[in-house]
Amino acid sequence: MLSPHELATLMLIGNGPQTRDDTTAASREIDPVDLDALITRDLVVLEAGQGKRPCPQITANGRTMLAAVGRLS
């Protein structure tokens, strides 16, 4: 079961742009504790772009979770 904060973080990542750089407000607003919980549950992964810091990307399991709560079609 996800906490409300974890679910909100998953929605933020799932609805966000596919790539983020270090200067975006969205990347600074993600709570590391919530992000770690999502990674542990295999709902999010950290993917590094070319020479950039890793950014969170939703996984297939994460998309399934968002679809289940009606936030993704």
PDB file of N, CA and C in Angstrom:
ATOM      1  N   MET A   1       0.838  -1.170   0.000  1.00  0.00           N
ATOM      2  CA  MET A   1       0.000   0.000   0.000  1.00  0.00           C
ATOM      3  C   MET A   1       0.886   1.238   0.000  1.00  0.00           C
ATOM      4  N   LEU A   2       0.559   2.188  -0.871  1.00  0.00           N
ATOM      5  CA  LEU A   2       1.323   3.425  -0.934  1.00  0.00           C
ATOM      6  C   LEU A   2       0.720   4.472  -0.001  1.00  0.00           C
ATOM      7  N   SER A   3       1.590   5.275   0.579  1.00  0.00           N
ATOM      8  CA  SER A   3       1.108   6.402   1.371  1.00  0.00           C
ATOM      9  C   SER A   3       0.594   7.472   0.408  1.00  0.00           C
ATOM     10  N   PRO A   4      -0.182   8.415   0.902  1.00  0.00           N
ATOM     11  CA  PRO A   4      -0.641   9.507   0.028  1.00  0.00           C
ATOM     12  C   PRO A   4       0.515  10.270  -0.600  1.00  0.00           C
ATOM     13  N   HIS A   5       1.590  10.458   0.143  1.00  0.00           N
ATOM     14  CA  HIS A   5       2.755  11.166  -0.397  1.00  0.00           C
ATOM     15  C   HIS A   5       3.426  10.366  -1.506  1.00  0.00           C
ATOM     16  N   GLU A   6       3.546   9.061  -1.305  1.00  0.00           N
ATOM     17  CA  GLU A   6       4.150   8.208  -2.333  1.00  0.00           C
ATOM     18  C   GLU A   6       3.301   8.184  -3.592  1.00  0.00           C
ATOM     19  N   LEU A   7       1.982   8.111  -3.434  1.00  0.00           N
ATOM     20  CA  LEU A   7       1.092   8.120  -4.591  1.00  0.00           C
ATOM     21  C   LEU A   7       1.195   9.452  -5.333  1.00  0.00           C
ATOM     22  N   ALA A   8       1.235  10.550  -4.592  1.00  0.00           N
ATOM     23  CA  ALA A   8       1.378  11.868  -5.220  1.00  0.00           C
ATOM     24  C   ALA A   8       2.707  11.970  -5.962  1.00  0.00           C
ATOM     25  N   THR A   9       3.762  11.423  -5.399  1.00  0.00           N
ATOM     26  CA  THR A   9       5.072  11.431  -6.051  1.00  0.00           C
ATOM     27  C   THR A   9       5.031  10.596  -7.324  1.00  0.00           C
ATOM     28  N   LEU A  10       4.379   9.446  -7.265  1.00  0.00           N
ATOM     29  CA  LEU A  10       4.243   8.597  -8.451  1.00  0.00           C
ATOM     30  C   LEU A  10       3.472   9.339  -9.548  1.00  0.00           C
ATOM     31  N   MET A  11       2.414  10.041  -9.174  1.00  0.00           N
ATOM     32  CA  MET A  11       1.645  10.805 -10.163  1.00  0.00           C
ATOM     33  C   MET A  11       2.491  11.936 -10.744  1.00  0.00           C
ATOM     34  N   LEU A  12       3.269  12.587  -9.906  1.00  0.00           N
ATOM     35  CA  LEU A  12       4.138  13.665 -10.373  1.00  0.00           C
ATOM     36  C   LEU A  12       5.140  13.137 -11.394  1.00  0.00           C
ATOM     37  N   ILE A  13       5.756  12.019 -11.100  1.00  0.00           N
ATOM     38  CA  ILE A  13       6.731  11.433 -12.020  1.00  0.00           C
ATOM     39  C   ILE A  13       6.041  10.912 -13.273  1.00  0.00           C
ATOM     40  N   GLY A  14       4.901  10.245 -13.104  1.00  0.00           N
ATOM     41  CA  GLY A  14       4.188   9.674 -14.241  1.00  0.00           C
ATOM     42  C   GLY A  14       3.610  10.706 -15.183  1.00  0.00           C
ATOM     43  N   ASN A  15       3.237  11.860 -14.662  1.00  0.00           N
ATOM     44  CA  ASN A  15       2.645  12.906 -15.487  1.00  0.00           C
ATOM     45  C   ASN A  15       3.651  13.938 -15.946  1.00  0.00           C
ATOM     46  N   GLY A  16       4.880  13.826 -15.468  1.00  0.00           N
ATOM     47  CA  GLY A  16       5.897  14.817 -15.807  1.00  0.00           C
ATOM     48  C   GLY A  16       6.521  14.561 -17.162  1.00  0.00           C
ATOM     49  N   PRO A  17       7.407  15.458 -17.558  1.00  0.00           N
ATOM     50  CA  PRO A  17       8.116  15.267 -18.826  1.00  0.00           C
ATOM     51  C   PRO A  17       9.012  14.046 -18.766  1.00  0.00           C
ATOM     52  N   GLN A  18       9.324  13.507 -19.907  1.00  0.00           N
ATOM     53  CA  GLN A  18      10.165  12.303 -19.962  1.00  0.00           C
ATOM     54  C   GLN A  18      11.594  12.579 -19.528  1.00  0.00           C
ATOM     55  N   THR A  19      12.069  13.792 -19.728  1.00  0.00           N
ATOM     56  CA  THR A  19      13.412  14.132 -19.276  1.00  0.00           C
ATOM     57  C   THR A  19      13.334  15.379 -18.426  1.00  0.00           C
ATOM     58  N   ARG A  20      14.164  15.408 -17.409  1.00  0.00           N
ATOM     59  CA  ARG A  20      14.237  16.572 -16.532  1.00  0.00           C
ATOM     60  C   ARG A  20      15.708  16.921 -16.363  1.00  0.00           C
ATOM     61  N   ASP A  21      15.973  18.211 -16.220  1.00  0.00           N
ATOM     62  CA  ASP A  21      17.333  18.598 -15.877  1.00  0.00           C
ATOM     63  C   ASP A  21      17.340  19.095 -14.436  1.00  0.00           C
ATOM     64  N   ASP A  22      18.511  19.442 -13.937  1.00  0.00           N
ATOM     65  CA  ASP A  22      18.656  19.804 -12.532  1.00  0.00           C
ATOM     66  C   ASP A  22      17.958  21.097 -12.165  1.00  0.00           C
ATOM     67  N   THR A  23      17.559  21.904 -13.124  1.00  0.00           N
ATOM     68  CA  THR A  23      17.012  23.219 -12.827  1.00  0.00           C
ATOM     69  C   THR A  23      15.492  23.232 -12.744  1.00  0.00           C
ATOM     70  N   THR A  24      14.838  22.125 -13.010  1.00  0.00           N
ATOM     71  CA  THR A  24      13.375  22.133 -12.975  1.00  0.00           C
ATOM     72  C   THR A  24      12.878  22.083 -11.544  1.00  0.00           C
ATOM     73  N   ALA A  25      11.789  22.781 -11.294  1.00  0.00           N
ATOM     74  CA  ALA A  25      11.212  22.796  -9.947  1.00  0.00           C
ATOM     75  C   ALA A  25      10.702  21.420  -9.558  1.00  0.00           C
ATOM     76  N   ALA A  26      10.145  20.670 -10.532  1.00  0.00           N
ATOM     77  CA  ALA A  26       9.568  19.355 -10.223  1.00  0.00           C
ATOM     78  C   ALA A  26      10.601  18.410  -9.640  1.00  0.00           C
ATOM     79  N   SER A  27      11.817  18.417 -10.171  1.00  0.00           N
ATOM     80  CA  SER A  27      12.825  17.486  -9.681  1.00  0.00           C
ATOM     81  C   SER A  27      13.266  17.840  -8.266  1.00  0.00           C
ATOM     82  N   ARG A  28      13.182  19.112  -7.886  1.00  0.00           N
ATOM     83  CA  ARG A  28      13.579  19.508  -6.538  1.00  0.00           C
ATOM     84  C   ARG A  28      12.486  19.237  -5.523  1.00  0.00           C
ATOM     85  N   GLU A  29      11.248  19.075  -5.955  1.00  0.00           N
ATOM     86  CA  GLU A  29      10.131  18.885  -5.042  1.00  0.00           C
ATOM     87  C   GLU A  29       9.908  17.423  -4.658  1.00  0.00           C
ATOM     88  N   ILE A  30      10.585  16.512  -5.280  1.00  0.00           N
ATOM     89  CA  ILE A  30      10.401  15.087  -4.985  1.00  0.00           C
ATOM     90  C   ILE A  30      11.129  14.749  -3.690  1.00  0.00           C
ATOM     91  N   ASP A  31      10.373  14.227  -2.742  1.00  0.00           N
ATOM     92  CA  ASP A  31      10.933  13.827  -1.449  1.00  0.00           C
ATOM     93  C   ASP A  31      11.759  12.559  -1.644  1.00  0.00           C
ATOM     94  N   PRO A  32      13.024  12.577  -1.239  1.00  0.00           N
ATOM     95  CA  PRO A  32      13.878  11.395  -1.422  1.00  0.00           C
ATOM     96  C   PRO A  32      13.352  10.151  -0.717  1.00  0.00           C
ATOM     97  N   VAL A  33      12.672  10.318   0.406  1.00  0.00           N
ATOM     98  CA  VAL A  33      12.116   9.163   1.130  1.00  0.00           C
ATOM     99  C   VAL A  33      11.011   8.516   0.298  1.00  0.00           C
ATOM    100  N   ASP A  34      10.137   9.340  -0.277  1.00  0.00           N
ATOM    101  CA  ASP A  34       9.069   8.807  -1.122  1.00  0.00           C
ATOM    102  C   ASP A  34       9.644   8.177  -2.385  1.00  0.00           C
ATOM    103  N   LEU A  35      10.639   8.822  -2.967  1.00  0.00           N
ATOM    104  CA  LEU A  35      11.275   8.281  -4.166  1.00  0.00           C
ATOM    105  C   LEU A  35      11.901   6.921  -3.876  1.00  0.00           C
ATOM    106  N   ASP A  36      12.581   6.808  -2.745  1.00  0.00           N
ATOM    107  CA  ASP A  36      13.197   5.533  -2.368  1.00  0.00           C
ATOM    108  C   ASP A  36      12.144   4.446  -2.200  1.00  0.00           C
ATOM    109  N   ALA A  37      11.007   4.784  -1.610  1.00  0.00           N
ATOM    110  CA  ALA A  37       9.929   3.801  -1.439  1.00  0.00           C
ATOM    111  C   ALA A  37       9.405   3.333  -2.797  1.00  0.00           C
ATOM    112  N   LEU A  38       9.270   4.250  -3.739  1.00  0.00           N
ATOM    113  CA  LEU A  38       8.785   3.881  -5.078  1.00  0.00           C
ATOM    114  C   LEU A  38       9.799   3.021  -5.819  1.00  0.00           C
ATOM    115  N   ILE A  39      11.070   3.321  -5.645  1.00  0.00           N
ATOM    116  CA  ILE A  39      12.117   2.508  -6.270  1.00  0.00           C
ATOM    117  C   ILE A  39      12.112   1.106  -5.665  1.00  0.00           C
ATOM    118  N   THR A  40      11.971   1.022  -4.348  1.00  0.00           N
ATOM    119  CA  THR A  40      11.944  -0.273  -3.658  1.00  0.00           C
ATOM    120  C   THR A  40      10.778  -1.127  -4.147  1.00  0.00           C
ATOM    121  N   ARG A  41       9.654  -0.499  -4.445  1.00  0.00           N
ATOM    122  CA  ARG A  41       8.468  -1.218  -4.920  1.00  0.00           C
ATOM    123  C   ARG A  41       8.472  -1.423  -6.440  1.00  0.00           C
ATOM    124  N   ASP A  42       9.563  -1.060  -7.098  1.00  0.00           N
ATOM    125  CA  ASP A  42       9.722  -1.214  -8.550  1.00  0.00           C
ATOM    126  C   ASP A  42       8.652  -0.442  -9.335  1.00  0.00           C
ATOM    127  N   LEU A  43       8.296   0.740  -8.821  1.00  0.00           N
ATOM    128  CA  LEU A  43       7.348   1.593  -9.530  1.00  0.00           C
ATOM    129  C   LEU A  43       8.074   2.700 -10.289  1.00  0.00           C
ATOM    130  N   VAL A  44       9.309   2.972  -9.879  1.00  0.00           N
ATOM    131  CA  VAL A  44      10.135   4.019 -10.466  1.00  0.00           C
ATOM    132  C   VAL A  44      11.573   3.522 -10.523  1.00  0.00           C
ATOM    133  N   VAL A  45      12.289   3.964 -11.538  1.00  0.00           N
ATOM    134  CA  VAL A  45      13.735   3.723 -11.626  1.00  0.00           C
ATOM    135  C   VAL A  45      14.430   5.056 -11.842  1.00  0.00           C
ATOM    136  N   LEU A  46      15.694   5.110 -11.502  1.00  0.00           N
ATOM    137  CA  LEU A  46      16.499   6.286 -11.799  1.00  0.00           C
ATOM    138  C   LEU A  46      17.309   5.988 -13.056  1.00  0.00           C
ATOM    139  N   GLU A  47      17.136   6.813 -14.066  1.00  0.00           N
ATOM    140  CA  GLU A  47      17.866   6.633 -15.317  1.00  0.00           C
ATOM    141  C   GLU A  47      18.708   7.865 -15.573  1.00  0.00           C
ATOM    142  N   ALA A  48      19.975   7.635 -15.885  1.00  0.00           N
ATOM    143  CA  ALA A  48      20.884   8.741 -16.167  1.00  0.00           C
ATOM    144  C   ALA A  48      20.915   9.014 -17.659  1.00  0.00           C
ATOM    145  N   GLY A  49      20.778  10.275 -18.008  1.00  0.00           N
ATOM    146  CA  GLY A  49      20.910  10.686 -19.397  1.00  0.00           C
ATOM    147  C   GLY A  49      22.381  10.867 -19.727  1.00  0.00           C
ATOM    148  N   GLN A  50      22.661  11.316 -20.911  1.00  0.00           N
ATOM    149  CA  GLN A  50      24.037  11.513 -21.337  1.00  0.00           C
ATOM    150  C   GLN A  50      24.666  12.652 -20.540  1.00  0.00           C
ATOM    151  N   GLY A  51      25.531  12.299 -19.608  1.00  0.00           N
ATOM    152  CA  GLY A  51      26.245  13.279 -18.816  1.00  0.00           C
ATOM    153  C   GLY A  51      25.380  14.039 -17.825  1.00  0.00           C
ATOM    154  N   LYS A  52      24.166  13.596 -17.565  1.00  0.00           N
ATOM    155  CA  LYS A  52      23.268  14.269 -16.633  1.00  0.00           C
ATOM    156  C   LYS A  52      23.068  13.417 -15.390  1.00  0.00           C
ATOM    157  N   ARG A  53      22.585  14.062 -14.350  1.00  0.00           N
ATOM    158  CA  ARG A  53      22.260  13.330 -13.131  1.00  0.00           C
ATOM    159  C   ARG A  53      21.085  12.400 -13.397  1.00  0.00           C
ATOM    160  N   PRO A  54      20.997  11.293 -12.672  1.00  0.00           N
ATOM    161  CA  PRO A  54      19.858  10.390 -12.843  1.00  0.00           C
ATOM    162  C   PRO A  54      18.541  11.090 -12.526  1.00  0.00           C
ATOM    163  N   CYS A  55      17.528  10.786 -13.309  1.00  0.00           N
ATOM    164  CA  CYS A  55      16.203  11.344 -13.038  1.00  0.00           C
ATOM    165  C   CYS A  55      15.209  10.180 -12.945  1.00  0.00           C
ATOM    166  N   PRO A  56      14.154  10.362 -12.160  1.00  0.00           N
ATOM    167  CA  PRO A  56      13.189   9.279 -11.972  1.00  0.00           C
ATOM    168  C   PRO A  56      12.342   9.067 -13.222  1.00  0.00           C
ATOM    169  N   GLN A  57      12.146   7.802 -13.554  1.00  0.00           N
ATOM    170  CA  GLN A  57      11.300   7.403 -14.683  1.00  0.00           C
ATOM    171  C   GLN A  57      10.347   6.326 -14.177  1.00  0.00           C
ATOM    172  N   ILE A  58       9.113   6.432 -14.588  1.00  0.00           N
ATOM    173  CA  ILE A  58       8.104   5.458 -14.160  1.00  0.00           C
ATOM    174  C   ILE A  58       8.330   4.125 -14.880  1.00  0.00           C
ATOM    175  N   THR A  59       8.090   3.025 -14.186  1.00  0.00           N
ATOM    176  CA  THR A  59       8.245   1.695 -14.767  1.00  0.00           C
ATOM    177  C   THR A  59       6.883   1.185 -15.256  1.00  0.00           C
ATOM    178  N   ALA A  60       6.891   0.022 -15.868  1.00  0.00           N
ATOM    179  CA  ALA A  60       5.635  -0.600 -16.292  1.00  0.00           C
ATOM    180  C   ALA A  60       4.738  -0.852 -15.079  1.00  0.00           C
ATOM    181  N   ASN A  61       5.327  -1.276 -13.973  1.00  0.00           N
ATOM    182  CA  ASN A  61       4.540  -1.484 -12.744  1.00  0.00           C
ATOM    183  C   ASN A  61       3.952  -0.159 -12.246  1.00  0.00           C
ATOM    184  N   GLY A  62       4.716   0.913 -12.373  1.00  0.00           N
ATOM    185  CA  GLY A  62       4.226   2.223 -11.980  1.00  0.00           C
ATOM    186  C   GLY A  62       3.060   2.670 -12.851  1.00  0.00           C
ATOM    187  N   ARG A  63       3.150   2.399 -14.144  1.00  0.00           N
ATOM    188  CA  ARG A  63       2.048   2.739 -15.053  1.00  0.00           C
ATOM    189  C   ARG A  63       0.794   1.930 -14.709  1.00  0.00           C
ATOM    190  N   THR A  64       0.982   0.671 -14.363  1.00  0.00           N
ATOM    191  CA  THR A  64      -0.142  -0.169 -13.959  1.00  0.00           C
ATOM    192  C   THR A  64      -0.801   0.380 -12.695  1.00  0.00           C
ATOM    193  N   MET A  65       0.005   0.830 -11.750  1.00  0.00           N
ATOM    194  CA  MET A  65      -0.524   1.405 -10.510  1.00  0.00           C
ATOM    195  C   MET A  65      -1.320   2.674 -10.811  1.00  0.00           C
ATOM    196  N   LEU A  66      -0.789   3.548 -11.661  1.00  0.00           N
ATOM    197  CA  LEU A  66      -1.514   4.769 -12.011  1.00  0.00           C
ATOM    198  C   LEU A  66      -2.809   4.456 -12.757  1.00  0.00           C
ATOM    199  N   ALA A  67      -2.776   3.453 -13.609  1.00  0.00           N
ATOM    200  CA  ALA A  67      -3.991   3.056 -14.314  1.00  0.00           C
ATOM    201  C   ALA A  67      -5.041   2.531 -13.326  1.00  0.00           C
ATOM    202  N   ALA A  68      -4.583   1.815 -12.305  1.00  0.00           N
ATOM    203  CA  ALA A  68      -5.491   1.254 -11.318  1.00  0.00           C
ATOM    204  C   ALA A  68      -6.194   2.342 -10.485  1.00  0.00           C
ATOM    205  N   VAL A  69      -5.518   3.446 -10.277  1.00  0.00           N
ATOM    206  CA  VAL A  69      -6.140   4.531  -9.516  1.00  0.00           C
ATOM    207  C   VAL A  69      -6.785   5.571 -10.430  1.00  0.00           C
ATOM    208  N   GLY A  70      -6.833   5.248 -11.723  1.00  0.00           N
ATOM    209  CA  GLY A  70      -7.533   6.105 -12.656  1.00  0.00           C
ATOM    210  C   GLY A  70      -6.793   7.348 -13.071  1.00  0.00           C
ATOM    211  N   ARG A  71      -5.468   7.368 -12.948  1.00  0.00           N
ATOM    212  CA  ARG A  71      -4.685   8.537 -13.289  1.00  0.00           C
ATOM    213  C   ARG A  71      -3.925   8.374 -14.600  1.00  0.00           C
ATOM    214  N   LEU A  72      -4.166   7.274 -15.299  1.00  0.00           N
ATOM    215  CA  LEU A  72      -3.479   7.014 -16.555  1.00  0.00           C
ATOM    216  C   LEU A  72      -4.416   6.132 -17.379  1.00  0.00           C
ATOM    217  N   SER A  73      -4.514   6.428 -18.652  1.00  0.00           N
ATOM    218  CA  SER A  73      -5.407   5.598 -19.489  1.00  0.00           C
ATOM    219  C   SER A  73      -4.612   4.729 -20.423  1.00  0.00           C
TER     220      SER A  73
END
